[in-house]
Amino acid sequence: MSENHTSTTPVTGPAPVPAPARARREPMFPEGPAPDPAGSHHERRIRSFQPRRSRVTTGQGEALRRLWPTWGLDIDGLSRLDLGELFGDPELPVVLEIGFGMGEATAQMAAADPGTGILACDVHTPGQGNLLNLAEQKGLNNVRVANGDAIILLREMLAPDALAGLRVYFPDPWPKKRHHKRRLIQPEFLALAATRLAPGAVLHCATDWEPYAEQMLEVLSASPDFENTQPDGGYAPRPDFRPLTRFEGQGLDKGHVVHDLLFRRRTA
């Protein structure tokens, strides 16, 4: 009998006892990332990200259990974040990375530049565990992992001029026209990000979705808070510090064109 076949034969003996509903709702990692850290503390808005559900491996789960209390933080929006305290060095410049996938590129950048802290923000639990695992394996003390909505992190938890840079690599392009309002790189986001970036700090975006790249260039060029680092006002070549990721390689194999945009927060 196949496992999907439904038998009509009466079952004798005691009926199985279902698991308590409370147990099913208990978090997989009690000391790890919360399912909805901001809860109802802040108003709901159109989300620019879509949570992805996938299986957490044994190694990722073990990293979450052991390392989250030290290297992880939930974006609850309830308190101001002291980046110097978080990284254990008040002089360390900190870059915020929004959306890091499985964390391979983040770990490479952290290893190549130990003098810069990377606050990596995402909502993908397996990726959070994988990045923590990579950070431990490579001895990276300059990586911290934030769980939750980056908008709340910027708006509620970071001080003005706190960031030395901002990276948004391959955000969800929301290709359908009715979903374009969900794209992260919008005028409102840029206005908020500018208040948290130090003067002269660089916002670095990358995408392989041509229409989104065009929108990014348009809204960034129109922003009064940013100026293009490229003299011709166009896209930038991929800088050496941004690794070629597996995701990017797959896109290039399919003929996708990757666009980098590097805009600097104006100093006046």
Protein backbone atom coordinates (compact mmCIF):
# COMPACT_ATOMS: atom_id res chain seq x y z
CA MET A 1 0.00 0.00 0.00
CA SER A 2 1.40 3.41 -0.91
CA GLU A 3 1.82 5.87 1.91
CA ASN A 4 -0.64 8.27 0.28
CA HIS A 5 -3.40 5.66 0.06
CA THR A 6 -6.29 6.11 2.52
CA SER A 7 -7.55 2.85 4.00
CA THR A 8 -11.21 2.38 4.93
CA THR A 9 -10.48 -0.56 7.25
CA PRO A 10 -11.53 0.26 10.84
CA VAL A 11 -8.61 0.76 13.18
CA THR A 12 -8.75 -1.11 16.43
CA GLY A 13 -7.05 -0.18 19.65
CA PRO A 14 -6.58 3.23 21.26
CA ALA A 15 -6.51 6.24 18.99
CA PRO A 16 -3.18 8.09 18.77
CA VAL A 17 -2.91 11.07 21.08
CA PRO A 18 -2.18 14.28 19.15
CA ALA A 19 0.75 16.41 20.25
CA PRO A 20 -0.26 19.38 22.38
CA ALA A 21 -0.85 22.52 20.35
CA ARG A 22 1.52 24.47 22.57
CA ALA A 23 4.39 22.10 21.82
CA ARG A 24 3.92 22.57 18.08
CA ARG A 25 4.23 26.32 18.49
CA GLU A 26 7.39 26.25 20.54
CA PRO A 27 10.38 27.72 18.69
CA MET A 28 12.91 25.28 17.29
CA PHE A 29 15.74 27.33 18.79
CA PRO A 30 14.55 28.84 22.10
CA GLU A 31 17.76 30.85 22.48
CA GLY A 32 17.98 31.64 18.77
CA PRO A 33 16.28 34.01 16.31
CA ALA A 34 12.67 34.84 17.14
CA PRO A 35 9.96 34.11 14.52
CA ASP A 36 8.66 37.70 14.61
CA PRO A 37 10.97 39.82 16.78
CA ALA A 38 9.20 43.15 16.29
CA GLY A 39 5.80 41.58 16.96
CA SER A 40 3.14 44.26 17.27
CA HIS A 41 5.50 46.92 18.60
CA HIS A 42 5.59 48.76 15.27
CA GLU A 43 3.08 49.42 12.56
CA ARG A 44 2.73 46.91 9.78
CA ARG A 45 3.77 48.05 6.33
CA ILE A 46 4.33 46.63 2.89
CA ARG A 47 7.19 44.18 3.29
CA SER A 48 10.08 44.31 0.84
CA PHE A 49 11.09 40.74 1.67
CA GLN A 50 9.41 37.37 1.56
CA PRO A 51 10.44 34.84 4.21
CA ARG A 52 11.75 31.59 2.71
CA ARG A 53 11.13 28.31 4.44
CA SER A 54 13.69 25.55 4.10
CA ARG A 55 15.19 22.88 6.28
CA VAL A 56 17.82 23.80 8.83
CA THR A 57 20.73 21.35 8.69
CA THR A 58 22.29 19.83 11.78
CA GLY A 59 25.35 22.08 11.50
CA GLN A 60 23.26 25.21 11.01
CA GLY A 61 21.04 24.33 13.94
CA GLU A 62 23.99 23.66 16.21
CA ALA A 63 25.53 27.01 15.24
CA LEU A 64 22.27 28.79 16.03
CA ARG A 65 22.01 27.15 19.44
CA ARG A 66 25.59 27.87 20.44
CA LEU A 67 26.42 31.16 18.76
CA TRP A 68 23.19 33.14 18.52
CA PRO A 69 23.29 34.38 22.14
CA THR A 70 26.73 35.90 21.46
CA TRP A 71 26.74 36.86 17.76
CA GLY A 72 23.06 37.21 16.96
CA LEU A 73 20.38 39.79 17.71
CA ASP A 74 16.66 40.11 17.11
CA ILE A 75 15.37 43.30 15.53
CA ASP A 76 12.63 44.10 18.03
CA GLY A 77 12.76 47.87 17.61
CA LEU A 78 12.60 48.43 21.36
CA SER A 79 16.04 49.85 22.09
CA ARG A 80 18.91 51.74 20.48
CA LEU A 81 21.79 49.51 19.39
CA ASP A 82 25.31 50.34 20.54
CA LEU A 83 27.47 49.07 17.67
CA GLY A 84 30.69 49.54 19.62
CA GLU A 85 29.38 47.34 22.39
CA LEU A 86 27.94 44.83 19.93
CA PHE A 87 31.29 44.33 18.19
CA GLY A 88 33.45 44.89 21.26
CA ASP A 89 35.28 47.81 19.65
CA PRO A 90 33.90 51.37 19.74
CA GLU A 91 36.32 52.43 16.97
CA LEU A 92 35.36 49.68 14.51
CA PRO A 93 33.58 50.99 11.38
CA VAL A 94 30.44 48.95 10.76
CA VAL A 95 28.74 48.19 7.45
CA LEU A 96 25.14 46.97 7.31
CA GLU A 97 24.38 44.23 4.79
CA ILE A 98 20.69 43.71 4.03
CA GLY A 99 19.94 40.21 2.76
CA PHE A 100 22.91 37.85 2.77
CA GLY A 101 21.41 34.56 1.58
CA MET A 102 23.54 31.70 2.87
CA GLY A 103 26.31 34.05 3.97
CA GLU A 104 29.21 32.79 1.84
CA ALA A 105 29.95 36.20 0.32
CA THR A 106 29.53 37.91 3.69
CA ALA A 107 32.06 35.59 5.27
CA GLN A 108 34.52 36.18 2.42
CA MET A 109 34.23 39.96 2.76
CA ALA A 110 34.63 39.78 6.53
CA ALA A 111 37.75 37.64 6.20
CA ALA A 112 39.26 39.97 3.62
CA ASP A 113 38.60 43.08 5.71
CA PRO A 114 38.91 42.27 9.44
CA GLY A 115 39.10 45.99 10.23
CA THR A 116 35.44 46.45 9.28
CA GLY A 117 32.46 45.05 11.16
CA ILE A 118 29.62 43.55 9.15
CA LEU A 119 26.12 43.64 10.62
CA ALA A 120 24.36 41.13 8.38
CA CYS A 121 20.56 41.26 8.36
CA ASP A 122 18.23 38.58 7.01
CA VAL A 123 15.14 36.56 7.91
CA HIS A 124 16.27 33.20 6.48
CA THR A 125 16.98 30.88 9.41
CA PRO A 126 19.18 28.37 7.51
CA GLY A 127 21.25 31.26 6.14
CA GLN A 128 21.62 32.74 9.61
CA GLY A 129 22.88 29.42 10.93
CA ASN A 130 25.18 28.94 7.96
CA LEU A 131 26.78 32.38 8.34
CA LEU A 132 27.33 31.82 12.07
CA ASN A 133 28.91 28.48 11.26
CA LEU A 134 31.21 30.04 8.65
CA ALA A 135 32.16 32.86 11.00
CA GLU A 136 33.20 30.38 13.68
CA GLN A 137 35.10 28.14 11.28
CA LYS A 138 37.04 31.09 9.84
CA GLY A 139 37.55 32.84 13.18
CA LEU A 140 35.65 35.93 12.10
CA ASN A 141 35.06 38.20 15.07
CA ASN A 142 33.80 41.03 12.88
CA VAL A 143 30.44 39.49 11.92
CA ARG A 144 27.12 39.89 13.73
CA VAL A 145 23.82 38.48 12.48
CA ALA A 146 20.55 40.43 12.80
CA ASN A 147 17.17 38.73 12.45
CA GLY A 148 14.16 40.68 11.25
CA ASP A 149 13.07 43.73 9.28
CA ALA A 150 15.94 45.95 8.19
CA ILE A 151 13.64 48.97 8.04
CA ILE A 152 12.91 48.68 11.76
CA LEU A 153 16.63 48.20 12.42
CA LEU A 154 17.47 51.41 10.55
CA ARG A 155 14.59 53.47 11.84
CA GLU A 156 14.37 52.40 15.47
CA MET A 157 17.67 50.82 16.51
CA LEU A 158 20.55 52.62 14.81
CA ALA A 159 21.84 56.07 15.74
CA PRO A 160 22.25 58.82 13.13
CA ASP A 161 25.50 58.54 11.13
CA ALA A 162 26.22 55.16 12.77
CA LEU A 163 27.08 53.20 9.62
CA ALA A 164 30.25 53.26 7.55
CA GLY A 165 28.46 51.66 4.61
CA LEU A 166 25.34 49.87 3.42
CA ARG A 167 25.21 46.84 1.11
CA VAL A 168 22.13 45.52 -0.67
CA TYR A 169 23.09 42.64 -2.93
CA PHE A 170 20.53 40.91 -5.14
CA PRO A 171 17.38 41.97 -3.30
CA ASP A 172 14.07 40.44 -4.31
CA PRO A 173 13.25 42.12 -7.66
CA TRP A 174 9.47 41.68 -7.30
CA PRO A 175 9.17 41.44 -11.09
CA LYS A 176 5.38 41.78 -11.39
CA LYS A 177 4.31 45.38 -11.88
CA ARG A 178 1.73 45.23 -9.09
CA HIS A 179 4.53 44.23 -6.70
CA HIS A 180 6.99 46.99 -7.61
CA LYS A 181 5.91 48.90 -4.49
CA ARG A 182 7.55 46.10 -2.48
CA ARG A 183 11.01 46.76 -3.89
CA LEU A 184 13.42 47.90 -1.21
CA ILE A 185 15.24 50.61 -3.16
CA GLN A 186 12.66 53.39 -3.10
CA PRO A 187 12.93 57.12 -2.31
CA GLU A 188 11.59 56.60 1.22
CA PHE A 189 14.17 53.94 1.97
CA LEU A 190 17.00 56.10 0.65
CA ALA A 191 15.91 59.03 2.81
CA LEU A 192 15.95 56.79 5.89
CA ALA A 193 19.25 55.12 5.00
CA ALA A 194 20.93 58.50 4.49
CA THR A 195 20.21 59.47 8.09
CA ARG A 196 22.01 56.38 9.38
CA LEU A 197 25.01 56.53 7.05
CA ALA A 198 27.96 58.69 8.01
CA PRO A 199 28.73 61.50 5.55
CA GLY A 200 30.78 60.04 2.71
CA ALA A 201 29.67 56.47 3.41
CA VAL A 202 28.82 54.36 0.35
CA LEU A 203 25.56 52.60 -0.45
CA HIS A 204 26.39 49.64 -2.69
CA CYS A 205 23.61 47.84 -4.55
CA ALA A 206 23.85 44.94 -7.00
CA THR A 207 21.19 43.18 -9.03
CA ASP A 208 20.93 40.94 -12.06
CA TRP A 209 17.38 42.06 -12.85
CA GLU A 210 17.66 44.71 -15.56
CA PRO A 211 14.38 46.58 -14.88
CA TYR A 212 15.22 46.78 -11.16
CA ALA A 213 18.73 48.02 -11.94
CA GLU A 214 17.20 50.79 -14.05
CA GLN A 215 14.85 51.74 -11.21
CA MET A 216 17.73 51.72 -8.71
CA LEU A 217 19.79 54.02 -10.92
CA GLU A 218 16.83 56.34 -11.43
CA VAL A 219 15.85 56.73 -7.76
CA LEU A 220 19.44 56.92 -6.52
CA SER A 221 20.34 59.56 -9.10
CA ALA A 222 17.26 61.58 -8.08
CA SER A 223 18.01 61.37 -4.35
CA PRO A 224 19.26 64.64 -2.85
CA ASP A 225 21.18 62.64 -0.23
CA PHE A 226 23.43 60.58 -2.54
CA GLU A 227 25.85 61.15 -5.39
CA ASN A 228 27.07 58.62 -7.93
CA THR A 229 30.69 57.55 -7.53
CA GLN A 230 30.88 57.08 -11.31
CA PRO A 231 31.82 60.19 -13.29
CA ASP A 232 29.55 59.16 -16.15
CA GLY A 233 26.57 58.81 -13.81
CA GLY A 234 26.01 55.16 -14.68
CA TYR A 235 26.66 51.72 -13.28
CA ALA A 236 29.94 50.79 -11.61
CA PRO A 237 32.21 47.84 -12.38
CA ARG A 238 32.04 45.10 -9.76
CA PRO A 239 34.50 46.15 -7.03
CA ASP A 240 37.11 43.62 -5.96
CA PHE A 241 35.72 43.45 -2.43
CA ARG A 242 32.36 42.04 -3.60
CA PRO A 243 32.89 38.33 -4.21
CA LEU A 244 31.37 36.55 -7.16
CA THR A 245 28.68 34.48 -5.44
CA ARG A 246 27.29 31.13 -6.48
CA PHE A 247 23.92 32.79 -7.11
CA GLU A 248 25.55 35.41 -9.30
CA GLY A 249 27.52 32.77 -11.19
CA GLN A 250 24.32 30.89 -11.95
CA GLY A 251 22.77 34.07 -13.30
CA LEU A 252 25.79 34.83 -15.45
CA ASP A 253 25.64 31.30 -16.87
CA LYS A 254 22.06 32.05 -17.93
CA GLY A 255 23.13 35.24 -19.66
CA HIS A 256 22.07 37.66 -16.94
CA VAL A 257 23.90 40.97 -16.67
CA VAL A 258 24.83 42.07 -13.15
CA HIS A 259 24.79 45.78 -12.39
CA ASP A 260 26.60 47.37 -9.45
CA LEU A 261 25.64 50.80 -8.18
CA LEU A 262 27.88 52.69 -5.76
CA PHE A 263 26.48 55.94 -4.42
CA ARG A 264 28.05 58.06 -1.70
CA ARG A 265 26.11 59.92 0.96
CA ARG A 266 26.64 63.62 0.35
CA THR A 267 28.72 65.44 2.93
CA ALA A 268 26.69 68.62 2.68
